Amino acid sequence: MIRFIFIVLLLLIGAAAFIGYSSQTLPDWYAQEQSASDQIAGQLSAQIQQQGSANFLGEKFSQVMSGELILSEAEFNAVLLASLQSSSDGRKLLAVSDAINADLTDQGIEFGAVIDLQKAAQIDAKSKKAVDKVVDALPFLDKSKVFVAVQGQAIARQGNLAFSDNISVKIGSIPISNSILKQLGVPLHKVSNESLPIKLMKIKSVVTSDDQIILKVLPRF
C-alpha cells in the first residue's frame, strides 16, 4: 500500500492550478484531539497486539472460528491498524502518517492516510526523490501534510484484503477517477496487485455497509 501512496503523491505535479488549496484540505475525521471512535480503535488495536488472537475482542474471536466476522467501523479500524503494524509496508505507512482511517460505506471502503511529507522523505532515497519532485513542483507543500485516499470495492484476494480494479483516488478534496489515473499513466495494476494480510484471519469474501463490514473468514494462526 505504501508504494501506491507514493505513486499517488506524484500526481500532485500534474494536477490543476486550484490544487494549492484543495490538496491541503484534510478530512473531517482528522483532528489534533482524538475522537471517541479513534480512541476505541486505538485501544482495541493495542488489545489485539498485546493479548493475541485468543482474546481478540472477546466474543469476536468465536465469530472468526464460526466463519463470519461482523465488525463496526471502529472495530475494523482497530483490526486494520494491528494488521498494518504486522506488515513491513504497513509499518512504513504508519511511520509517515499522522493518521490513518477506513470509512465503510455500501459502495466499499475509503482507505485514507494523512501523510507528513517531511517524514515520507526520510524513509529511503527513492521516497525522498519522490517527495522532492512534489515539493519542487509545488513549493507551498513543503513541510505540509497531505491527505491521500484510495476508494473502491473491497474484495478478498488470496486470503487477504484488497481493492477491486475499479478504484478512485482523492488528494485533499480533489477526486481523481480511475480513467484519469490511467490517462496520467499511473500503473493501476500495482494497486490491483496489492493486498493486506489481516491479522488473525484469512478472508474469503467482503461485504460493506455504512459503519459495518461482514467478512467470511477462516482463522489464521
C-alpha atoms as a PDB file:
ATOM      1  CA  MET A   1       0.000   0.000   0.000  1.00  0.00           C
ATOM      2  CA  ILE A   2       2.842   2.414   0.824  1.00  0.00           C
ATOM      3  CA  ARG A   3       4.172   2.096  -2.748  1.00  0.00           C
ATOM      4  CA  PHE A   4       0.850   3.096  -4.255  1.00  0.00           C
ATOM      5  CA  ILE A   5       0.509   6.031  -1.846  1.00  0.00           C
ATOM      6  CA  PHE A   6       3.788   7.462  -3.180  1.00  0.00           C
ATOM      7  CA  ILE A   7       2.674   6.919  -6.781  1.00  0.00           C
ATOM      8  CA  VAL A   8      -0.454   8.922  -5.991  1.00  0.00           C
ATOM      9  CA  LEU A   9       1.617  11.708  -4.426  1.00  0.00           C
ATOM     10  CA  LEU A  10       3.401  12.185  -7.746  1.00  0.00           C
ATOM     11  CA  LEU A  11       0.040  13.061  -9.300  1.00  0.00           C
ATOM     12  CA  LEU A  12       0.264  16.368  -7.454  1.00  0.00           C
ATOM     13  CA  ILE A  13       2.749  17.533 -10.084  1.00  0.00           C
ATOM     14  CA  GLY A  14       0.225  17.227 -12.914  1.00  0.00           C
ATOM     15  CA  ALA A  15      -2.821  18.461 -11.038  1.00  0.00           C
ATOM     16  CA  ALA A  16      -4.813  21.591 -11.783  1.00  0.00           C
ATOM     17  CA  ALA A  17      -3.952  25.088 -10.555  1.00  0.00           C
ATOM     18  CA  PHE A  18      -6.502  25.030  -7.742  1.00  0.00           C
ATOM     19  CA  ILE A  19      -4.536  22.253  -6.064  1.00  0.00           C
ATOM     20  CA  GLY A  20      -2.843  24.867  -3.907  1.00  0.00           C
ATOM     21  CA  TYR A  21      -5.861  24.984  -1.615  1.00  0.00           C
ATOM     22  CA  SER A  22      -7.603  21.713  -2.277  1.00  0.00           C
ATOM     23  CA  SER A  23      -4.579  19.434  -1.910  1.00  0.00           C
ATOM     24  CA  GLN A  24      -4.082  20.636   1.650  1.00  0.00           C
ATOM     25  CA  THR A  25      -7.682  20.018   2.697  1.00  0.00           C
ATOM     26  CA  LEU A  26      -7.651  17.468   5.497  1.00  0.00           C
ATOM     27  CA  PRO A  27     -10.542  15.080   6.188  1.00  0.00           C
ATOM     28  CA  ASP A  28     -13.221  15.802   8.767  1.00  0.00           C
ATOM     29  CA  TRP A  29     -12.124  12.860  10.913  1.00  0.00           C
ATOM     30  CA  TYR A  30      -8.594  14.231  11.270  1.00  0.00           C
ATOM     31  CA  ALA A  31      -8.042  16.439  14.299  1.00  0.00           C
ATOM     32  CA  GLN A  32      -5.390  17.040  16.904  1.00  0.00           C
ATOM     33  CA  GLU A  33      -7.715  15.657  19.545  1.00  0.00           C
ATOM     34  CA  GLN A  34      -8.713  12.033  19.082  1.00  0.00           C
ATOM     35  CA  SER A  35     -12.398  11.359  18.643  1.00  0.00           C
ATOM     36  CA  ALA A  36     -14.125   8.755  20.795  1.00  0.00           C
ATOM     37  CA  SER A  37     -14.146   6.414  17.783  1.00  0.00           C
ATOM     38  CA  ASP A  38     -10.385   6.895  17.264  1.00  0.00           C
ATOM     39  CA  GLN A  39      -9.724   6.197  20.934  1.00  0.00           C
ATOM     40  CA  ILE A  40     -11.761   2.989  20.772  1.00  0.00           C
ATOM     41  CA  ALA A  41      -9.886   1.861  17.661  1.00  0.00           C
ATOM     42  CA  GLY A  42      -6.533   2.604  19.293  1.00  0.00           C
ATOM     43  CA  GLN A  43      -7.454   0.748  22.467  1.00  0.00           C
ATOM     44  CA  LEU A  44      -8.733  -2.260  20.536  1.00  0.00           C
ATOM     45  CA  SER A  45      -5.615  -2.299  18.367  1.00  0.00           C
ATOM     46  CA  ALA A  46      -3.401  -2.316  21.462  1.00  0.00           C
ATOM     47  CA  GLN A  47      -5.516  -5.137  22.882  1.00  0.00           C
ATOM     48  CA  ILE A  48      -5.089  -7.216  19.729  1.00  0.00           C
ATOM     49  CA  GLN A  49      -1.328  -6.647  19.754  1.00  0.00           C
ATOM     50  CA  GLN A  50      -0.880  -7.458  23.449  1.00  0.00           C
ATOM     51  CA  GLN A  51      -3.339 -10.276  24.064  1.00  0.00           C
ATOM     52  CA  GLY A  52      -3.262 -12.203  20.794  1.00  0.00           C
ATOM     53  CA  SER A  53      -5.955 -13.955  18.839  1.00  0.00           C
ATOM     54  CA  ALA A  54      -7.418 -15.978  21.697  1.00  0.00           C
ATOM     55  CA  ASN A  55      -8.620 -12.808  23.390  1.00  0.00           C
ATOM     56  CA  PHE A  56      -9.445 -10.793  20.271  1.00  0.00           C
ATOM     57  CA  LEU A  57     -12.411  -8.615  21.144  1.00  0.00           C
ATOM     58  CA  GLY A  58     -13.821 -11.302  23.406  1.00  0.00           C
ATOM     59  CA  GLU A  59     -16.737 -12.941  21.610  1.00  0.00           C
ATOM     60  CA  LYS A  60     -15.496 -11.683  18.227  1.00  0.00           C
ATOM     61  CA  PHE A  61     -12.950 -14.470  18.104  1.00  0.00           C
ATOM     62  CA  SER A  62     -15.735 -17.031  18.257  1.00  0.00           C
ATOM     63  CA  GLN A  63     -17.145 -15.377  15.112  1.00  0.00           C
ATOM     64  CA  VAL A  64     -13.801 -15.904  13.387  1.00  0.00           C
ATOM     65  CA  MET A  65     -13.953 -19.578  14.331  1.00  0.00           C
ATOM     66  CA  SER A  66     -17.535 -19.827  13.034  1.00  0.00           C
ATOM     67  CA  GLY A  67     -16.522 -18.381   9.664  1.00  0.00           C
ATOM     68  CA  GLU A  68     -18.267 -14.977   9.694  1.00  0.00           C
ATOM     69  CA  LEU A  69     -16.998 -11.841  11.397  1.00  0.00           C
ATOM     70  CA  ILE A  70     -19.108  -8.693  11.757  1.00  0.00           C
ATOM     71  CA  LEU A  71     -17.209  -5.558  12.734  1.00  0.00           C
ATOM     72  CA  SER A  72     -18.243  -1.986  13.399  1.00  0.00           C
ATOM     73  CA  GLU A  73     -16.192   0.748  11.730  1.00  0.00           C
ATOM     74  CA  ALA A  74     -14.190   1.363  14.934  1.00  0.00           C
ATOM     75  CA  GLU A  75     -13.508  -2.356  15.335  1.00  0.00           C
ATOM     76  CA  PHE A  76     -12.469  -2.687  11.693  1.00  0.00           C
ATOM     77  CA  ASN A  77     -10.085   0.261  12.051  1.00  0.00           C
ATOM     78  CA  ALA A  78      -8.560  -1.457  15.088  1.00  0.00           C
ATOM     79  CA  VAL A  79      -8.021  -4.689  13.132  1.00  0.00           C
ATOM     80  CA  LEU A  80      -6.643  -2.689  10.178  1.00  0.00           C
ATOM     81  CA  LEU A  81      -4.210  -0.822  12.443  1.00  0.00           C
ATOM     82  CA  ALA A  82      -2.991  -4.031  14.060  1.00  0.00           C
ATOM     83  CA  SER A  83      -2.579  -5.609  10.610  1.00  0.00           C
ATOM     84  CA  LEU A  84      -0.548  -2.656   9.319  1.00  0.00           C
ATOM     85  CA  GLN A  85       1.705  -2.937  12.361  1.00  0.00           C
ATOM     86  CA  SER A  86       2.326  -6.583  11.437  1.00  0.00           C
ATOM     87  CA  SER A  87       3.310  -5.769   7.813  1.00  0.00           C
ATOM     88  CA  SER A  88       6.636  -4.270   6.715  1.00  0.00           C
ATOM     89  CA  ASP A  89       4.939  -1.996   4.147  1.00  0.00           C
ATOM     90  CA  GLY A  90       2.246  -1.223   6.703  1.00  0.00           C
ATOM     91  CA  ARG A  91       4.819  -0.100   9.259  1.00  0.00           C
ATOM     92  CA  LYS A  92       6.340   2.223   6.663  1.00  0.00           C
ATOM     93  CA  LEU A  93       2.938   3.754   6.013  1.00  0.00           C
ATOM     94  CA  LEU A  94       2.331   4.203   9.748  1.00  0.00           C
ATOM     95  CA  ALA A  95       5.770   5.819  10.100  1.00  0.00           C
ATOM     96  CA  VAL A  96       4.975   8.585   7.585  1.00  0.00           C
ATOM     97  CA  SER A  97       1.317   9.079   8.529  1.00  0.00           C
ATOM     98  CA  ASP A  98      -0.147  11.327  11.198  1.00  0.00           C
ATOM     99  CA  ALA A  99      -3.438   9.438  10.978  1.00  0.00           C
ATOM    100  CA  ILE A 100      -4.981   6.517   9.088  1.00  0.00           C
ATOM    101  CA  ASN A 101      -8.676   5.789   8.758  1.00  0.00           C
ATOM    102  CA  ALA A 102     -11.013   3.483   6.861  1.00  0.00           C
ATOM    103  CA  ASP A 103     -14.547   4.718   6.152  1.00  0.00           C
ATOM    104  CA  LEU A 104     -17.082   1.978   5.438  1.00  0.00           C
ATOM    105  CA  THR A 105     -19.977   2.515   3.024  1.00  0.00           C
ATOM    106  CA  ASP A 106     -22.271   0.291   0.986  1.00  0.00           C
ATOM    107  CA  GLN A 107     -20.053   1.159  -2.029  1.00  0.00           C
ATOM    108  CA  GLY A 108     -16.908  -0.151  -0.357  1.00  0.00           C
ATOM    109  CA  ILE A 109     -14.045   1.336   1.647  1.00  0.00           C
ATOM    110  CA  GLU A 110     -12.244   4.664   1.594  1.00  0.00           C
ATOM    111  CA  PHE A 111      -8.773   3.980   2.971  1.00  0.00           C
ATOM    112  CA  GLY A 112      -7.130   7.301   3.780  1.00  0.00           C
ATOM    113  CA  ALA A 113      -3.874   8.495   5.294  1.00  0.00           C
ATOM    114  CA  VAL A 114      -2.715  11.962   6.328  1.00  0.00           C
ATOM    115  CA  ILE A 115       0.866  11.880   5.029  1.00  0.00           C
ATOM    116  CA  ASP A 116       3.574  14.035   6.590  1.00  0.00           C
ATOM    117  CA  LEU A 117       5.838  14.882   3.643  1.00  0.00           C
ATOM    118  CA  GLN A 118       8.849  15.501   5.881  1.00  0.00           C
ATOM    119  CA  LYS A 119       8.532  12.026   7.414  1.00  0.00           C
ATOM    120  CA  ALA A 120       7.922  10.484   3.987  1.00  0.00           C
ATOM    121  CA  ALA A 121      11.159  11.978   2.634  1.00  0.00           C
ATOM    122  CA  GLN A 122      13.126  10.194   5.370  1.00  0.00           C
ATOM    123  CA  ILE A 123      12.006   6.641   4.515  1.00  0.00           C
ATOM    124  CA  ASP A 124      14.678   5.975   1.876  1.00  0.00           C
ATOM    125  CA  ALA A 125      16.393   7.599  -1.110  1.00  0.00           C
ATOM    126  CA  LYS A 126      13.588   6.677  -3.513  1.00  0.00           C
ATOM    127  CA  SER A 127      10.941   8.173  -1.256  1.00  0.00           C
ATOM    128  CA  LYS A 128      12.991  11.345  -0.773  1.00  0.00           C
ATOM    129  CA  LYS A 129      13.319  11.720  -4.546  1.00  0.00           C
ATOM    130  CA  ALA A 130       9.553  11.327  -4.991  1.00  0.00           C
ATOM    131  CA  VAL A 131       8.756  13.888  -2.286  1.00  0.00           C
ATOM    132  CA  ASP A 132      11.402  16.299  -3.620  1.00  0.00           C
ATOM    133  CA  LYS A 133       9.722  16.183  -7.051  1.00  0.00           C
ATOM    134  CA  VAL A 134       6.396  17.100  -5.487  1.00  0.00           C
ATOM    135  CA  VAL A 135       7.853  19.941  -3.408  1.00  0.00           C
ATOM    136  CA  ASP A 136       9.919  21.298  -6.326  1.00  0.00           C
ATOM    137  CA  ALA A 137       6.803  21.478  -8.478  1.00  0.00           C
ATOM    138  CA  LEU A 138       4.578  22.793  -5.677  1.00  0.00           C
ATOM    139  CA  PRO A 139       6.767  24.610  -3.110  1.00  0.00           C
ATOM    140  CA  PHE A 140       3.809  25.547  -0.904  1.00  0.00           C
ATOM    141  CA  LEU A 141       3.565  21.874   0.063  1.00  0.00           C
ATOM    142  CA  ASP A 142       6.948  21.948   1.813  1.00  0.00           C
ATOM    143  CA  LYS A 143       6.503  20.781   5.433  1.00  0.00           C
ATOM    144  CA  SER A 144       2.839  20.117   4.695  1.00  0.00           C
ATOM    145  CA  LYS A 145       0.549  17.257   5.473  1.00  0.00           C
ATOM    146  CA  VAL A 146      -1.369  15.789   2.539  1.00  0.00           C
ATOM    147  CA  PHE A 147      -4.456  13.586   2.700  1.00  0.00           C
ATOM    148  CA  VAL A 148      -4.360  10.687   0.226  1.00  0.00           C
ATOM    149  CA  ALA A 149      -7.256   8.230  -0.007  1.00  0.00           C
ATOM    150  CA  VAL A 150      -7.997   5.195  -2.146  1.00  0.00           C
ATOM    151  CA  GLN A 151     -11.690   4.388  -2.640  1.00  0.00           C
ATOM    152  CA  GLY A 152     -13.110   1.189  -4.038  1.00  0.00           C
ATOM    153  CA  GLN A 153     -14.920  -2.069  -3.547  1.00  0.00           C
ATOM    154  CA  ALA A 154     -13.167  -4.278  -1.025  1.00  0.00           C
ATOM    155  CA  ILE A 155     -12.534  -7.857  -2.119  1.00  0.00           C
ATOM    156  CA  ALA A 156     -10.683 -10.931  -0.899  1.00  0.00           C
ATOM    157  CA  ARG A 157      -7.509 -11.867  -2.761  1.00  0.00           C
ATOM    158  CA  GLN A 158      -5.583 -14.979  -1.754  1.00  0.00           C
ATOM    159  CA  GLY A 159      -6.900 -14.703   1.781  1.00  0.00           C
ATOM    160  CA  ASN A 160      -6.030 -11.013   2.141  1.00  0.00           C
ATOM    161  CA  LEU A 161      -7.932  -7.721   1.926  1.00  0.00           C
ATOM    162  CA  ALA A 162      -7.640  -5.923  -1.428  1.00  0.00           C
ATOM    163  CA  PHE A 163      -9.364  -3.450  -3.741  1.00  0.00           C
ATOM    164  CA  SER A 164     -11.106  -4.354  -6.980  1.00  0.00           C
ATOM    165  CA  ASP A 165      -9.715  -2.835 -10.191  1.00  0.00           C
ATOM    166  CA  ASN A 166     -12.263  -0.010 -10.260  1.00  0.00           C
ATOM    167  CA  ILE A 167     -10.709   2.416  -7.793  1.00  0.00           C
ATOM    168  CA  SER A 168     -10.622   6.181  -7.418  1.00  0.00           C
ATOM    169  CA  VAL A 169      -8.259   8.419  -5.518  1.00  0.00           C
ATOM    170  CA  LYS A 170      -8.562  11.624  -3.514  1.00  0.00           C
ATOM    171  CA  ILE A 171      -5.724  14.046  -2.841  1.00  0.00           C
ATOM    172  CA  GLY A 172      -7.001  16.512  -0.270  1.00  0.00           C
ATOM    173  CA  SER A 173     -10.509  17.264  -1.503  1.00  0.00           C
ATOM    174  CA  ILE A 174      -9.677  16.544  -5.166  1.00  0.00           C
ATOM    175  CA  PRO A 175     -11.269  13.333  -6.522  1.00  0.00           C
ATOM    176  CA  ILE A 176      -9.353  11.568  -9.298  1.00  0.00           C
ATOM    177  CA  SER A 177     -11.224   8.869 -11.193  1.00  0.00           C
ATOM    178  CA  ASN A 178      -9.877   5.571 -12.460  1.00  0.00           C
ATOM    179  CA  SER A 179      -9.953   6.825 -16.057  1.00  0.00           C
ATOM    180  CA  ILE A 180      -7.965   9.965 -15.190  1.00  0.00           C
ATOM    181  CA  LEU A 181      -5.399   7.876 -13.331  1.00  0.00           C
ATOM    182  CA  LYS A 182      -4.923   5.808 -16.485  1.00  0.00           C
ATOM    183  CA  GLN A 183      -4.568   8.945 -18.631  1.00  0.00           C
ATOM    184  CA  LEU A 184      -1.898  10.220 -16.236  1.00  0.00           C
ATOM    185  CA  GLY A 185      -0.002   6.971 -16.673  1.00  0.00           C
ATOM    186  CA  VAL A 186      -0.472   5.651 -13.149  1.00  0.00           C
ATOM    187  CA  PRO A 187       0.130   1.872 -13.170  1.00  0.00           C
ATOM    188  CA  LEU A 188      -3.181   0.782 -11.689  1.00  0.00           C
ATOM    189  CA  HIS A 189      -2.102  -2.843 -11.831  1.00  0.00           C
ATOM    190  CA  LYS A 190       0.157  -2.075  -8.873  1.00  0.00           C
ATOM    191  CA  VAL A 191      -2.745  -1.298  -6.585  1.00  0.00           C
ATOM    192  CA  SER A 192      -4.700  -4.182  -8.098  1.00  0.00           C
ATOM    193  CA  ASN A 193      -1.867  -6.495  -7.119  1.00  0.00           C
ATOM    194  CA  GLU A 194      -1.532  -5.031  -3.614  1.00  0.00           C
ATOM    195  CA  SER A 195      -3.230  -6.708  -0.684  1.00  0.00           C
ATOM    196  CA  LEU A 196      -3.008  -6.571   3.080  1.00  0.00           C
ATOM    197  CA  PRO A 197      -2.936  -9.671   5.270  1.00  0.00           C
ATOM    198  CA  ILE A 198      -5.477  -9.197   8.042  1.00  0.00           C
ATOM    199  CA  LYS A 199      -4.307 -10.262  11.452  1.00  0.00           C
ATOM    200  CA  LEU A 200      -5.989 -13.373  12.838  1.00  0.00           C
ATOM    201  CA  MET A 201      -7.903 -14.392   9.729  1.00  0.00           C
ATOM    202  CA  LYS A 202      -7.888 -15.390   6.081  1.00  0.00           C
ATOM    203  CA  ILE A 203     -10.609 -13.550   4.168  1.00  0.00           C
ATOM    204  CA  LYS A 204     -12.918 -15.408   1.792  1.00  0.00           C
ATOM    205  CA  SER A 205     -15.365 -12.582   0.943  1.00  0.00           C
ATOM    206  CA  VAL A 206     -16.167  -8.994   1.944  1.00  0.00           C
ATOM    207  CA  VAL A 207     -19.457  -7.089   2.216  1.00  0.00           C
ATOM    208  CA  THR A 208     -19.552  -3.492   3.467  1.00  0.00           C
ATOM    209  CA  SER A 209     -22.349  -1.167   4.516  1.00  0.00           C
ATOM    210  CA  ASP A 210     -22.486   2.122   6.401  1.00  0.00           C
ATOM    211  CA  ASP A 211     -20.394   1.682   9.562  1.00  0.00           C
ATOM    212  CA  GLN A 212     -20.191  -2.120   9.261  1.00  0.00           C
ATOM    213  CA  ILE A 213     -18.239  -4.826   7.467  1.00  0.00           C
ATOM    214  CA  ILE A 214     -19.059  -8.524   7.174  1.00  0.00           C
ATOM    215  CA  LEU A 215     -16.181 -10.886   6.464  1.00  0.00           C
ATOM    216  CA  LYS A 216     -16.393 -14.538   5.548  1.00  0.00           C
ATOM    217  CA  VAL A 217     -13.207 -15.830   7.127  1.00  0.00           C
ATOM    218  CA  LEU A 218     -11.008 -18.710   8.178  1.00  0.00           C
ATOM    219  CA  PRO A 219      -8.851 -18.397  11.300  1.00  0.00           C
ATOM    220  CA  ARG A 220      -5.183 -17.573  10.689  1.00  0.00           C
ATOM    221  CA  PHE A 221      -2.735 -18.586  13.429  1.00  0.00           C
END
